[in-house]
Amino acid sequence: MSEASAIDIIVTTCGRLDYLKRTIPRIIKATSSPYRLHIIDDGSDKEQKDYIYSLLNSNDVYSIMMRNKREGAMSAINIGSWMGFSDPLVFTDDDVLCPVLSPDWLQRGTEAMRKHPEVALLCLQHPGAKYKPTGDSGDIVYCKSVGGTFLFTRREFTQKYPFPHHLGNLSRPLEPRCVTAYQTDWKIGYLKDVYCYHFGENSILTGKEYRGRFIQPSRWDTLQP
């Protein structure tokens, strides 16, 4: 979609075609607000790149960026912060389902960011205790750190404080960008009652045991946030 009011959704991926084939169609199916979908591939093989090109040719995605070698997810996010046109931008990984129970997730996140100009980062993951809640605005739970999936980011903040390429992702508490926000007038937090499903943390598609849980691949599509 290319409407002027559309929000840019930027998906980073590398070598996980089975994940990507489920994540992208779910975004397309379960997002009711106007959006532009961008994919940054961080050095995947030809099979995955061919799939991404097919999405571009079918107009399911607005733009793609293909890298010949892997340079890291944080580097990809830094590039993504300059690819989109909207404010806020939305970042996510290839192993996360958008909030299928809330097809208005994009509208609600965007409205919350515009209602709360003090918020630099707004996440749709369920806030665990490790994220250290610090307050509650009624629709947002403020925290000291946030997850890095389905993350609404304010353009000004994202471009001013890019990720160092060597760092891990935002789900590790109190990494530099989170600390930077927390130590300034910016706030970060989670949107209440709208949750994505980070299946990369809870199951894997091959059905192997992962962190004590066993999920059959045939049950993957029935899992809810």
N, C-alpha and C. Protein backbone atom coordinates (compact mmCIF):
# COMPACT_ATOMS: atom_id res chain seq x y z
N MET A 1 0.85 -1.19 0.00
CA MET A 1 0.00 0.00 0.00
C MET A 1 0.88 1.25 0.00
N SER A 2 0.43 2.30 -0.63
CA SER A 2 1.28 3.48 -0.74
C SER A 2 0.55 4.76 -0.37
N GLU A 3 -0.54 4.66 0.40
CA GLU A 3 -1.27 5.84 0.80
C GLU A 3 -0.38 6.78 1.61
N ALA A 4 -0.68 8.07 1.55
CA ALA A 4 0.13 9.05 2.26
C ALA A 4 0.13 8.80 3.75
N SER A 5 -0.96 8.24 4.27
CA SER A 5 -1.06 7.99 5.71
C SER A 5 -0.45 6.66 6.13
N ALA A 6 0.10 5.91 5.19
CA ALA A 6 0.61 4.58 5.50
C ALA A 6 1.80 4.63 6.44
N ILE A 7 1.91 3.61 7.28
CA ILE A 7 3.04 3.46 8.20
C ILE A 7 3.99 2.42 7.62
N ASP A 8 5.28 2.70 7.71
CA ASP A 8 6.29 1.78 7.18
C ASP A 8 6.59 0.68 8.19
N ILE A 9 6.48 -0.57 7.74
CA ILE A 9 6.82 -1.75 8.54
C ILE A 9 8.06 -2.36 7.93
N ILE A 10 9.12 -2.48 8.70
CA ILE A 10 10.41 -2.95 8.19
C ILE A 10 10.75 -4.28 8.85
N VAL A 11 10.89 -5.32 8.04
CA VAL A 11 11.17 -6.67 8.51
C VAL A 11 12.62 -7.02 8.19
N THR A 12 13.38 -7.40 9.21
CA THR A 12 14.75 -7.87 8.98
C THR A 12 14.76 -9.39 8.99
N THR A 13 15.58 -9.97 8.12
CA THR A 13 15.59 -11.43 8.00
C THR A 13 16.96 -11.91 7.55
N CYS A 14 17.29 -13.14 7.91
CA CYS A 14 18.54 -13.75 7.47
C CYS A 14 18.44 -15.27 7.62
N GLY A 15 18.31 -15.98 6.50
CA GLY A 15 18.43 -17.43 6.50
C GLY A 15 17.33 -18.19 7.21
N ARG A 16 16.15 -17.61 7.34
CA ARG A 16 15.05 -18.32 8.01
C ARG A 16 13.81 -18.26 7.11
N LEU A 17 13.89 -18.90 5.98
CA LEU A 17 12.84 -18.83 4.98
C LEU A 17 11.52 -19.39 5.51
N ASP A 18 11.58 -20.50 6.26
CA ASP A 18 10.35 -21.07 6.81
C ASP A 18 9.63 -20.07 7.71
N TYR A 19 10.39 -19.33 8.49
CA TYR A 19 9.79 -18.30 9.33
C TYR A 19 9.18 -17.18 8.47
N LEU A 20 9.97 -16.71 7.51
CA LEU A 20 9.54 -15.57 6.71
C LEU A 20 8.27 -15.87 5.93
N LYS A 21 8.12 -17.11 5.46
CA LYS A 21 6.94 -17.50 4.69
C LYS A 21 5.67 -17.49 5.53
N ARG A 22 5.81 -17.48 6.82
CA ARG A 22 4.64 -17.41 7.70
C ARG A 22 4.42 -15.99 8.22
N THR A 23 5.52 -15.31 8.48
CA THR A 23 5.42 -13.97 9.05
C THR A 23 4.85 -12.94 8.07
N ILE A 24 5.36 -12.92 6.85
CA ILE A 24 4.93 -11.91 5.87
C ILE A 24 3.45 -12.06 5.51
N PRO A 25 2.96 -13.26 5.16
CA PRO A 25 1.53 -13.38 4.86
C PRO A 25 0.65 -12.99 6.04
N ARG A 26 1.13 -13.24 7.27
CA ARG A 26 0.31 -12.89 8.43
C ARG A 26 0.21 -11.37 8.59
N ILE A 27 1.28 -10.66 8.31
CA ILE A 27 1.22 -9.19 8.34
C ILE A 27 0.19 -8.70 7.31
N ILE A 28 0.28 -9.26 6.11
CA ILE A 28 -0.63 -8.84 5.04
C ILE A 28 -2.08 -9.14 5.40
N LYS A 29 -2.32 -10.30 6.00
CA LYS A 29 -3.68 -10.74 6.30
C LYS A 29 -4.26 -10.05 7.51
N ALA A 30 -3.43 -9.75 8.51
CA ALA A 30 -3.95 -9.32 9.81
C ALA A 30 -3.65 -7.86 10.12
N THR A 31 -3.47 -7.03 9.10
CA THR A 31 -3.23 -5.61 9.31
C THR A 31 -4.28 -4.82 8.55
N SER A 32 -5.11 -4.10 9.29
CA SER A 32 -6.24 -3.41 8.66
C SER A 32 -5.93 -1.97 8.26
N SER A 33 -4.87 -1.38 8.81
CA SER A 33 -4.54 0.01 8.51
C SER A 33 -3.58 0.09 7.32
N PRO A 34 -3.53 1.23 6.62
CA PRO A 34 -2.60 1.38 5.50
C PRO A 34 -1.14 1.23 5.95
N TYR A 35 -0.35 0.53 5.17
CA TYR A 35 1.05 0.31 5.51
C TYR A 35 1.88 0.16 4.25
N ARG A 36 3.19 0.32 4.40
CA ARG A 36 4.17 -0.03 3.37
C ARG A 36 5.10 -1.05 3.99
N LEU A 37 5.27 -2.18 3.35
CA LEU A 37 6.08 -3.27 3.90
C LEU A 37 7.43 -3.32 3.21
N HIS A 38 8.50 -3.26 4.01
CA HIS A 38 9.88 -3.30 3.50
C HIS A 38 10.58 -4.53 4.09
N ILE A 39 11.44 -5.17 3.33
CA ILE A 39 12.21 -6.31 3.81
C ILE A 39 13.69 -6.04 3.59
N ILE A 40 14.48 -6.24 4.64
CA ILE A 40 15.94 -6.16 4.54
C ILE A 40 16.49 -7.55 4.76
N ASP A 41 17.09 -8.14 3.73
CA ASP A 41 17.67 -9.47 3.84
C ASP A 41 19.17 -9.34 4.09
N ASP A 42 19.62 -9.96 5.17
CA ASP A 42 21.00 -9.78 5.63
C ASP A 42 21.88 -10.96 5.20
N GLY A 43 21.92 -11.22 3.88
CA GLY A 43 22.84 -12.22 3.36
C GLY A 43 22.31 -13.64 3.32
N SER A 44 21.03 -13.83 3.00
CA SER A 44 20.46 -15.18 2.90
C SER A 44 20.87 -15.84 1.59
N ASP A 45 20.46 -17.13 1.44
CA ASP A 45 20.80 -17.86 0.23
C ASP A 45 19.85 -17.51 -0.92
N LYS A 46 20.10 -18.09 -2.08
CA LYS A 46 19.34 -17.75 -3.29
C LYS A 46 17.87 -18.10 -3.14
N GLU A 47 17.55 -19.21 -2.49
CA GLU A 47 16.15 -19.62 -2.34
C GLU A 47 15.34 -18.56 -1.60
N GLN A 48 15.89 -18.05 -0.50
CA GLN A 48 15.18 -17.03 0.24
C GLN A 48 15.10 -15.73 -0.54
N LYS A 49 16.16 -15.36 -1.21
CA LYS A 49 16.14 -14.13 -2.00
C LYS A 49 15.12 -14.22 -3.13
N ASP A 50 15.00 -15.39 -3.75
CA ASP A 50 14.01 -15.57 -4.80
C ASP A 50 12.60 -15.38 -4.26
N TYR A 51 12.36 -15.88 -3.05
CA TYR A 51 11.04 -15.70 -2.43
C TYR A 51 10.75 -14.22 -2.19
N ILE A 52 11.74 -13.50 -1.70
CA ILE A 52 11.55 -12.07 -1.43
C ILE A 52 11.30 -11.31 -2.73
N TYR A 53 12.04 -11.65 -3.79
CA TYR A 53 11.80 -11.00 -5.08
C TYR A 53 10.38 -11.27 -5.57
N SER A 54 9.87 -12.48 -5.30
CA SER A 54 8.50 -12.80 -5.73
C SER A 54 7.48 -11.93 -5.00
N LEU A 55 7.75 -11.60 -3.75
CA LEU A 55 6.86 -10.71 -3.00
C LEU A 55 6.86 -9.31 -3.61
N LEU A 56 8.03 -8.85 -4.01
CA LEU A 56 8.13 -7.53 -4.64
C LEU A 56 7.40 -7.52 -5.97
N ASN A 57 7.55 -8.58 -6.75
CA ASN A 57 6.92 -8.65 -8.06
C ASN A 57 5.40 -8.72 -7.97
N SER A 58 4.90 -9.27 -6.87
CA SER A 58 3.45 -9.38 -6.70
C SER A 58 2.86 -8.18 -5.97
N ASN A 59 3.71 -7.19 -5.70
CA ASN A 59 3.30 -5.95 -5.01
C ASN A 59 2.87 -6.17 -3.57
N ASP A 60 3.31 -7.27 -2.96
CA ASP A 60 3.01 -7.51 -1.54
C ASP A 60 3.94 -6.70 -0.64
N VAL A 61 5.11 -6.33 -1.16
CA VAL A 61 6.02 -5.49 -0.39
C VAL A 61 6.34 -4.23 -1.21
N TYR A 62 6.66 -3.17 -0.51
CA TYR A 62 6.92 -1.88 -1.14
C TYR A 62 8.35 -1.77 -1.63
N SER A 63 9.30 -2.29 -0.81
CA SER A 63 10.71 -2.24 -1.22
C SER A 63 11.47 -3.35 -0.53
N ILE A 64 12.61 -3.72 -1.10
CA ILE A 64 13.48 -4.73 -0.51
C ILE A 64 14.92 -4.22 -0.59
N MET A 65 15.75 -4.74 0.31
CA MET A 65 17.19 -4.50 0.23
C MET A 65 17.88 -5.85 0.44
N MET A 66 18.74 -6.23 -0.49
CA MET A 66 19.45 -7.50 -0.44
C MET A 66 20.93 -7.25 -0.16
N ARG A 67 21.44 -7.89 0.87
CA ARG A 67 22.87 -7.79 1.16
C ARG A 67 23.56 -9.08 0.75
N ASN A 68 24.77 -8.96 0.22
CA ASN A 68 25.49 -10.14 -0.25
C ASN A 68 26.11 -10.94 0.88
N LYS A 69 26.36 -10.29 2.00
CA LYS A 69 26.91 -11.00 3.15
C LYS A 69 26.27 -10.48 4.43
N ARG A 70 26.29 -11.31 5.44
CA ARG A 70 25.65 -10.95 6.70
C ARG A 70 26.47 -9.90 7.44
N GLU A 71 25.78 -8.83 7.85
CA GLU A 71 26.44 -7.77 8.61
C GLU A 71 25.77 -7.52 9.96
N GLY A 72 24.73 -8.29 10.28
CA GLY A 72 24.13 -8.18 11.60
C GLY A 72 22.79 -7.46 11.59
N ALA A 73 21.91 -7.90 12.49
CA ALA A 73 20.56 -7.35 12.56
C ALA A 73 20.56 -5.87 12.92
N MET A 74 21.47 -5.46 13.80
CA MET A 74 21.49 -4.06 14.22
C MET A 74 21.88 -3.14 13.06
N SER A 75 22.80 -3.60 12.25
CA SER A 75 23.16 -2.83 11.07
C SER A 75 21.97 -2.72 10.13
N ALA A 76 21.22 -3.80 9.99
CA ALA A 76 20.04 -3.78 9.12
C ALA A 76 18.99 -2.80 9.65
N ILE A 77 18.81 -2.76 10.97
CA ILE A 77 17.84 -1.84 11.55
C ILE A 77 18.28 -0.40 11.32
N ASN A 78 19.56 -0.13 11.45
CA ASN A 78 20.05 1.23 11.20
C ASN A 78 19.72 1.67 9.79
N ILE A 79 19.91 0.78 8.82
CA ILE A 79 19.57 1.11 7.43
C ILE A 79 18.07 1.33 7.30
N GLY A 80 17.30 0.46 7.95
CA GLY A 80 15.85 0.56 7.87
C GLY A 80 15.30 1.87 8.39
N SER A 81 16.00 2.48 9.34
CA SER A 81 15.52 3.74 9.90
C SER A 81 15.55 4.87 8.88
N TRP A 82 16.27 4.66 7.77
CA TRP A 82 16.33 5.66 6.71
C TRP A 82 15.54 5.24 5.48
N MET A 83 14.97 4.03 5.48
CA MET A 83 14.24 3.54 4.31
C MET A 83 12.81 4.03 4.28
N GLY A 84 12.16 4.08 5.43
CA GLY A 84 10.76 4.41 5.46
C GLY A 84 10.50 5.90 5.40
N PHE A 85 9.23 6.25 5.22
CA PHE A 85 8.82 7.65 5.11
C PHE A 85 8.02 8.11 6.33
N SER A 86 7.45 7.19 7.04
CA SER A 86 6.47 7.54 8.08
C SER A 86 7.15 7.86 9.41
N ASP A 87 6.36 8.43 10.28
CA ASP A 87 6.78 8.64 11.67
C ASP A 87 5.54 8.38 12.54
N PRO A 88 5.52 7.27 13.27
CA PRO A 88 6.65 6.37 13.57
C PRO A 88 6.92 5.36 12.45
N LEU A 89 8.06 4.65 12.63
CA LEU A 89 8.39 3.47 11.86
C LEU A 89 8.12 2.25 12.74
N VAL A 90 7.93 1.09 12.12
CA VAL A 90 7.75 -0.15 12.87
C VAL A 90 8.80 -1.15 12.42
N PHE A 91 9.55 -1.70 13.38
CA PHE A 91 10.56 -2.72 13.10
C PHE A 91 10.13 -4.06 13.68
N THR A 92 10.44 -5.13 12.95
CA THR A 92 10.21 -6.46 13.49
C THR A 92 11.16 -7.45 12.83
N ASP A 93 11.23 -8.66 13.39
CA ASP A 93 12.07 -9.72 12.86
C ASP A 93 11.21 -10.73 12.12
N ASP A 94 11.89 -11.69 11.48
CA ASP A 94 11.17 -12.67 10.67
C ASP A 94 10.57 -13.81 11.49
N ASP A 95 10.74 -13.81 12.81
CA ASP A 95 10.20 -14.89 13.64
C ASP A 95 9.11 -14.39 14.59
N VAL A 96 8.36 -13.39 14.14
CA VAL A 96 7.33 -12.80 15.01
C VAL A 96 6.02 -12.67 14.25
N LEU A 97 4.95 -13.15 14.85
CA LEU A 97 3.62 -12.97 14.27
C LEU A 97 3.06 -11.62 14.71
N CYS A 98 2.48 -10.89 13.78
CA CYS A 98 1.82 -9.65 14.18
C CYS A 98 0.60 -10.00 15.04
N PRO A 99 0.07 -9.05 15.78
CA PRO A 99 -1.04 -9.33 16.71
C PRO A 99 -2.31 -9.75 15.99
N VAL A 100 -2.46 -11.06 15.73
CA VAL A 100 -3.57 -11.55 14.92
C VAL A 100 -4.92 -11.32 15.59
N LEU A 101 -4.93 -11.17 16.91
CA LEU A 101 -6.19 -10.93 17.61
C LEU A 101 -6.58 -9.46 17.58
N SER A 102 -5.69 -8.62 17.08
CA SER A 102 -5.96 -7.17 17.03
C SER A 102 -5.58 -6.63 15.66
N PRO A 103 -6.45 -6.80 14.64
CA PRO A 103 -6.11 -6.33 13.30
C PRO A 103 -5.91 -4.82 13.22
N ASP A 104 -6.33 -4.10 14.27
CA ASP A 104 -6.10 -2.65 14.32
C ASP A 104 -4.82 -2.31 15.07
N TRP A 105 -3.92 -3.28 15.22
CA TRP A 105 -2.70 -3.08 16.01
C TRP A 105 -1.88 -1.90 15.49
N LEU A 106 -1.81 -1.75 14.17
CA LEU A 106 -0.99 -0.68 13.61
C LEU A 106 -1.60 0.68 13.91
N GLN A 107 -2.90 0.79 13.78
CA GLN A 107 -3.58 2.04 14.10
C GLN A 107 -3.45 2.39 15.57
N ARG A 108 -3.61 1.40 16.44
CA ARG A 108 -3.55 1.66 17.88
C ARG A 108 -2.14 2.06 18.32
N GLY A 109 -1.13 1.40 17.76
CA GLY A 109 0.24 1.77 18.09
C GLY A 109 0.60 3.16 17.60
N THR A 110 0.15 3.47 16.39
CA THR A 110 0.43 4.79 15.82
C THR A 110 -0.27 5.88 16.63
N GLU A 111 -1.53 5.65 16.98
CA GLU A 111 -2.27 6.64 17.77
C GLU A 111 -1.63 6.84 19.14
N ALA A 112 -1.14 5.75 19.75
CA ALA A 112 -0.50 5.88 21.06
C ALA A 112 0.78 6.70 20.96
N MET A 113 1.56 6.49 19.89
CA MET A 113 2.78 7.28 19.71
C MET A 113 2.46 8.75 19.51
N ARG A 114 1.40 9.05 18.78
CA ARG A 114 1.04 10.44 18.54
C ARG A 114 0.41 11.08 19.78
N LYS A 115 -0.26 10.28 20.58
CA LYS A 115 -0.86 10.77 21.82
C LYS A 115 0.20 11.04 22.87
N HIS A 116 1.31 10.29 22.81
CA HIS A 116 2.38 10.40 23.82
C HIS A 116 3.68 10.79 23.12
N PRO A 117 3.89 12.05 22.83
CA PRO A 117 5.10 12.48 22.11
C PRO A 117 6.38 12.26 22.91
N GLU A 118 6.24 11.96 24.19
CA GLU A 118 7.42 11.70 25.01
C GLU A 118 7.97 10.30 24.80
N VAL A 119 7.23 9.42 24.10
CA VAL A 119 7.63 8.02 23.93
C VAL A 119 8.47 7.86 22.67
N ALA A 120 9.67 7.31 22.83
CA ALA A 120 10.57 7.09 21.69
C ALA A 120 10.42 5.69 21.13
N LEU A 121 10.20 4.69 21.99
CA LEU A 121 10.10 3.29 21.58
C LEU A 121 8.88 2.67 22.24
N LEU A 122 8.03 2.03 21.42
CA LEU A 122 6.80 1.42 21.93
C LEU A 122 6.70 0.02 21.35
N CYS A 123 6.68 -0.99 22.22
CA CYS A 123 6.76 -2.38 21.79
C CYS A 123 5.42 -3.09 21.98
N LEU A 124 5.17 -4.12 21.14
CA LEU A 124 3.95 -4.91 21.24
C LEU A 124 4.19 -6.29 21.82
N GLN A 125 5.38 -6.56 22.33
CA GLN A 125 5.58 -7.79 23.07
C GLN A 125 4.95 -7.66 24.45
N HIS A 126 4.63 -8.82 25.06
CA HIS A 126 4.11 -8.78 26.42
C HIS A 126 5.26 -8.40 27.35
N PRO A 127 5.08 -7.36 28.18
CA PRO A 127 6.19 -6.91 29.04
C PRO A 127 6.44 -7.85 30.20
N GLY A 128 7.59 -8.52 30.18
CA GLY A 128 7.96 -9.37 31.30
C GLY A 128 8.57 -8.55 32.44
N ALA A 129 8.74 -9.20 33.58
CA ALA A 129 9.27 -8.50 34.75
C ALA A 129 10.68 -7.99 34.51
N LYS A 130 11.44 -8.65 33.61
CA LYS A 130 12.83 -8.25 33.38
C LYS A 130 12.92 -6.86 32.75
N TYR A 131 11.81 -6.36 32.20
CA TYR A 131 11.85 -5.05 31.57
C TYR A 131 11.61 -3.91 32.55
N LYS A 132 11.41 -4.24 33.82
CA LYS A 132 11.41 -3.26 34.91
C LYS A 132 10.41 -2.13 34.69
N PRO A 133 9.10 -2.42 34.83
CA PRO A 133 8.08 -1.36 34.67
C PRO A 133 8.34 -0.19 35.61
N THR A 134 8.11 1.00 35.08
CA THR A 134 8.36 2.22 35.87
C THR A 134 7.14 3.10 36.01
N GLY A 135 6.07 2.81 35.25
CA GLY A 135 4.89 3.67 35.33
C GLY A 135 3.81 3.19 34.39
N ASP A 136 2.67 3.87 34.43
CA ASP A 136 1.50 3.45 33.65
C ASP A 136 0.73 4.71 33.24
N SER A 137 0.51 4.87 31.92
CA SER A 137 -0.21 6.05 31.43
C SER A 137 -1.68 5.76 31.15
N GLY A 138 -2.10 4.52 31.37
CA GLY A 138 -3.45 4.12 31.04
C GLY A 138 -3.47 3.21 29.83
N ASP A 139 -2.76 3.58 28.77
CA ASP A 139 -2.67 2.72 27.59
C ASP A 139 -1.26 2.22 27.33
N ILE A 140 -0.27 2.74 28.06
CA ILE A 140 1.12 2.33 27.91
C ILE A 140 1.70 1.98 29.27
N VAL A 141 2.46 0.88 29.33
CA VAL A 141 3.26 0.54 30.50
C VAL A 141 4.68 1.02 30.23
N TYR A 142 5.16 2.00 30.99
CA TYR A 142 6.52 2.49 30.81
C TYR A 142 7.51 1.52 31.47
N CYS A 143 8.65 1.32 30.80
CA CYS A 143 9.67 0.39 31.30
C CYS A 143 11.05 0.99 31.09
N LYS A 144 12.05 0.32 31.68
CA LYS A 144 13.43 0.75 31.49
C LYS A 144 14.03 0.18 30.20
N SER A 145 13.43 -0.89 29.66
CA SER A 145 13.90 -1.46 28.40
C SER A 145 12.72 -2.12 27.71
N VAL A 146 12.88 -2.41 26.42
CA VAL A 146 11.80 -3.01 25.64
C VAL A 146 12.33 -4.11 24.75
N GLY A 147 11.43 -4.94 24.24
CA GLY A 147 11.79 -5.94 23.25
C GLY A 147 11.98 -5.28 21.89
N GLY A 148 12.54 -6.02 20.95
CA GLY A 148 12.87 -5.43 19.66
C GLY A 148 11.97 -5.86 18.52
N THR A 149 10.79 -6.46 18.84
CA THR A 149 9.91 -6.95 17.79
C THR A 149 8.58 -6.20 17.80
N PHE A 150 8.08 -5.90 16.60
CA PHE A 150 6.93 -5.01 16.44
C PHE A 150 7.11 -3.79 17.33
N LEU A 151 8.22 -3.13 17.05
CA LEU A 151 8.66 -1.99 17.83
C LEU A 151 8.38 -0.70 17.06
N PHE A 152 7.49 0.12 17.58
CA PHE A 152 7.24 1.45 17.01
C PHE A 152 8.38 2.36 17.47
N THR A 153 9.02 3.03 16.53
CA THR A 153 10.15 3.89 16.86
C THR A 153 9.91 5.28 16.29
N ARG A 154 10.23 6.27 17.07
CA ARG A 154 10.11 7.64 16.58
C ARG A 154 11.33 7.94 15.72
N ARG A 155 11.06 8.43 14.50
CA ARG A 155 12.12 8.63 13.52
C ARG A 155 13.27 9.47 14.07
N GLU A 156 12.95 10.57 14.73
CA GLU A 156 13.98 11.46 15.25
C GLU A 156 14.92 10.72 16.19
N PHE A 157 14.35 9.89 17.06
CA PHE A 157 15.17 9.18 18.04
C PHE A 157 16.01 8.08 17.37
N THR A 158 15.38 7.33 16.47
CA THR A 158 16.08 6.22 15.83
C THR A 158 17.27 6.69 15.01
N GLN A 159 17.12 7.82 14.33
CA GLN A 159 18.22 8.31 13.51
C GLN A 159 19.29 9.00 14.34
N LYS A 160 18.90 9.54 15.48
CA LYS A 160 19.88 10.20 16.34
C LYS A 160 20.71 9.21 17.13
N TYR A 161 20.09 8.07 17.50
CA TYR A 161 20.79 7.07 18.32
C TYR A 161 20.80 5.73 17.59
N PRO A 162 21.62 5.58 16.54
CA PRO A 162 21.69 4.30 15.82
C PRO A 162 22.33 3.22 16.67
N PHE A 163 22.02 1.97 16.32
CA PHE A 163 22.62 0.84 17.02
C PHE A 163 24.08 0.66 16.62
N PRO A 164 24.96 0.44 17.57
CA PRO A 164 26.27 -0.10 17.20
C PRO A 164 26.08 -1.50 16.60
N HIS A 165 26.82 -1.83 15.56
CA HIS A 165 26.58 -3.06 14.83
C HIS A 165 26.87 -4.31 15.66
N HIS A 166 27.70 -4.18 16.68
CA HIS A 166 28.14 -5.38 17.38
C HIS A 166 27.18 -5.78 18.50
N LEU A 167 26.14 -5.00 18.75
CA LEU A 167 25.27 -5.30 19.88
C LEU A 167 24.23 -6.34 19.54
N GLY A 168 23.69 -6.96 20.57
CA GLY A 168 22.58 -7.87 20.40
C GLY A 168 21.29 -7.10 20.23
N ASN A 169 20.15 -7.77 20.43
CA ASN A 169 18.88 -7.09 20.16
C ASN A 169 18.30 -6.44 21.41
N LEU A 170 17.22 -5.71 21.21
CA LEU A 170 16.64 -4.92 22.30
C LEU A 170 16.02 -5.76 23.40
N SER A 171 15.81 -7.07 23.16
CA SER A 171 15.18 -7.88 24.19
C SER A 171 16.13 -8.13 25.36
N ARG A 172 17.40 -7.82 25.18
CA ARG A 172 18.32 -7.88 26.32
C ARG A 172 18.19 -6.58 27.11
N PRO A 173 17.83 -6.67 28.38
CA PRO A 173 17.51 -5.45 29.14
C PRO A 173 18.64 -4.44 29.18
N LEU A 174 18.26 -3.19 29.12
CA LEU A 174 19.15 -2.06 29.38
C LEU A 174 20.35 -1.99 28.44
N GLU A 175 20.11 -2.25 27.16
CA GLU A 175 21.16 -2.02 26.18
C GLU A 175 21.20 -0.53 25.84
N PRO A 176 22.26 -0.07 25.16
CA PRO A 176 22.50 1.36 25.05
C PRO A 176 21.34 2.22 24.57
N ARG A 177 20.58 1.76 23.55
CA ARG A 177 19.51 2.64 23.08
C ARG A 177 18.44 2.79 24.15
N CYS A 178 18.12 1.71 24.85
CA CYS A 178 17.15 1.79 25.94
C CYS A 178 17.67 2.70 27.05
N VAL A 179 18.93 2.53 27.41
CA VAL A 179 19.52 3.36 28.45
C VAL A 179 19.51 4.81 28.03
N THR A 180 19.85 5.06 26.75
CA THR A 180 19.85 6.42 26.25
C THR A 180 18.49 7.07 26.41
N ALA A 181 17.45 6.34 26.04
CA ALA A 181 16.09 6.87 26.18
C ALA A 181 15.74 7.10 27.64
N TYR A 182 16.10 6.13 28.48
CA TYR A 182 15.71 6.22 29.89
C TYR A 182 16.45 7.35 30.60
N GLN A 183 17.64 7.68 30.16
CA GLN A 183 18.43 8.71 30.83
C GLN A 183 18.16 10.12 30.30
N THR A 184 17.27 10.23 29.33
CA THR A 184 16.88 11.53 28.80
C THR A 184 15.40 11.76 29.10
N ASP A 185 14.81 12.73 28.43
CA ASP A 185 13.39 12.99 28.62
C ASP A 185 12.51 12.03 27.84
N TRP A 186 13.10 11.19 26.98
CA TRP A 186 12.33 10.20 26.24
C TRP A 186 11.84 9.09 27.17
N LYS A 187 10.73 8.48 26.79
CA LYS A 187 10.23 7.31 27.53
C LYS A 187 10.10 6.15 26.56
N ILE A 188 10.10 4.95 27.12
CA ILE A 188 9.92 3.73 26.34
C ILE A 188 8.93 2.84 27.06
N GLY A 189 8.24 1.98 26.32
CA GLY A 189 7.25 1.15 26.99
C GLY A 189 6.54 0.19 26.07
N TYR A 190 5.44 -0.37 26.59
CA TYR A 190 4.64 -1.37 25.90
C TYR A 190 3.21 -0.90 25.78
N LEU A 191 2.60 -1.19 24.63
CA LEU A 191 1.19 -0.88 24.44
C LEU A 191 0.36 -1.96 25.11
N LYS A 192 -0.62 -1.57 25.90
CA LYS A 192 -1.43 -2.52 26.64
C LYS A 192 -2.38 -3.29 25.71
N ASP A 193 -2.53 -4.57 25.99
CA ASP A 193 -3.58 -5.40 25.40
C ASP A 193 -3.45 -5.62 23.90
N VAL A 194 -2.28 -5.36 23.33
CA VAL A 194 -2.03 -5.66 21.91
C VAL A 194 -0.68 -6.37 21.85
N TYR A 195 -0.70 -7.68 21.64
CA TYR A 195 0.54 -8.45 21.77
C TYR A 195 0.85 -9.24 20.50
N CYS A 196 2.09 -9.12 20.04
CA CYS A 196 2.57 -9.98 18.98
C CYS A 196 2.97 -11.32 19.60
N TYR A 197 3.33 -12.28 18.74
CA TYR A 197 3.76 -13.58 19.24
C TYR A 197 5.15 -13.88 18.70
N HIS A 198 6.12 -13.86 19.60
CA HIS A 198 7.52 -14.08 19.22
C HIS A 198 7.79 -15.58 19.27
N PHE A 199 7.44 -16.29 18.19
CA PHE A 199 7.55 -17.74 18.23
C PHE A 199 8.99 -18.20 18.22
N GLY A 200 9.90 -17.37 17.80
CA GLY A 200 11.31 -17.73 17.86
C GLY A 200 11.80 -17.95 19.28
N GLU A 201 11.09 -17.36 20.27
CA GLU A 201 11.46 -17.54 21.67
C GLU A 201 10.71 -18.69 22.32
N ASN A 202 9.68 -19.22 21.66
CA ASN A 202 8.82 -20.20 22.31
C ASN A 202 8.73 -21.54 21.61
N SER A 203 9.07 -21.60 20.36
CA SER A 203 9.02 -22.86 19.64
C SER A 203 9.87 -22.74 18.38
N ILE A 204 10.15 -23.86 17.75
CA ILE A 204 10.80 -23.83 16.45
C ILE A 204 10.02 -24.74 15.50
N LEU A 205 10.07 -24.43 14.23
CA LEU A 205 9.17 -25.06 13.29
C LEU A 205 9.47 -26.53 13.06
N THR A 206 10.66 -26.99 13.38
CA THR A 206 10.99 -28.40 13.17
C THR A 206 10.37 -29.30 14.24
N GLY A 207 9.80 -28.74 15.27
CA GLY A 207 9.16 -29.54 16.31
C GLY A 207 10.12 -30.04 17.36
N LYS A 208 11.35 -29.54 17.36
CA LYS A 208 12.31 -29.97 18.37
C LYS A 208 12.02 -29.31 19.71
N GLU A 209 12.59 -29.88 20.75
CA GLU A 209 12.41 -29.30 22.08
C GLU A 209 13.13 -27.96 22.15
N TYR A 210 12.48 -26.98 22.75
CA TYR A 210 13.09 -25.66 22.87
C TYR A 210 12.67 -25.06 24.20
N ARG A 211 13.65 -24.82 25.08
CA ARG A 211 13.39 -24.26 26.40
C ARG A 211 12.30 -25.02 27.15
N GLY A 212 12.34 -26.35 27.03
CA GLY A 212 11.42 -27.15 27.82
C GLY A 212 10.05 -27.36 27.19
N ARG A 213 9.77 -26.70 26.07
CA ARG A 213 8.47 -26.86 25.42
C ARG A 213 8.64 -27.64 24.13
N PHE A 214 7.59 -28.36 23.76
CA PHE A 214 7.62 -29.09 22.50
C PHE A 214 6.39 -28.71 21.71
N ILE A 215 6.58 -28.10 20.55
CA ILE A 215 5.47 -27.64 19.72
C ILE A 215 5.53 -28.36 18.38
N GLN A 216 4.50 -29.09 18.02
CA GLN A 216 4.45 -29.72 16.71
C GLN A 216 4.28 -28.66 15.63
N PRO A 217 5.00 -28.78 14.51
CA PRO A 217 4.86 -27.80 13.44
C PRO A 217 3.42 -27.62 12.97
N SER A 218 2.64 -28.69 12.98
CA SER A 218 1.25 -28.60 12.51
C SER A 218 0.40 -27.72 13.40
N ARG A 219 0.85 -27.46 14.62
CA ARG A 219 0.09 -26.63 15.56
C ARG A 219 0.52 -25.18 15.50
N TRP A 220 1.53 -24.87 14.71
CA TRP A 220 2.11 -23.52 14.73
C TRP A 220 1.07 -22.46 14.44
N ASP A 221 0.22 -22.67 13.42
CA ASP A 221 -0.74 -21.65 13.03
C ASP A 221 -1.85 -21.47 14.04
N THR A 222 -1.99 -22.38 14.98
CA THR A 222 -3.05 -22.23 15.99
C THR A 222 -2.58 -21.44 17.20
N LEU A 223 -1.29 -21.21 17.30
CA LEU A 223 -0.76 -20.49 18.44
C LEU A 223 -1.16 -19.02 18.37
N GLN A 224 -1.57 -18.48 19.51
CA GLN A 224 -2.02 -17.11 19.58
C GLN A 224 -1.06 -16.32 20.48
N PRO A 225 -1.06 -14.98 20.34
CA PRO A 225 -0.21 -14.17 21.20
C PRO A 225 -0.55 -14.39 22.67
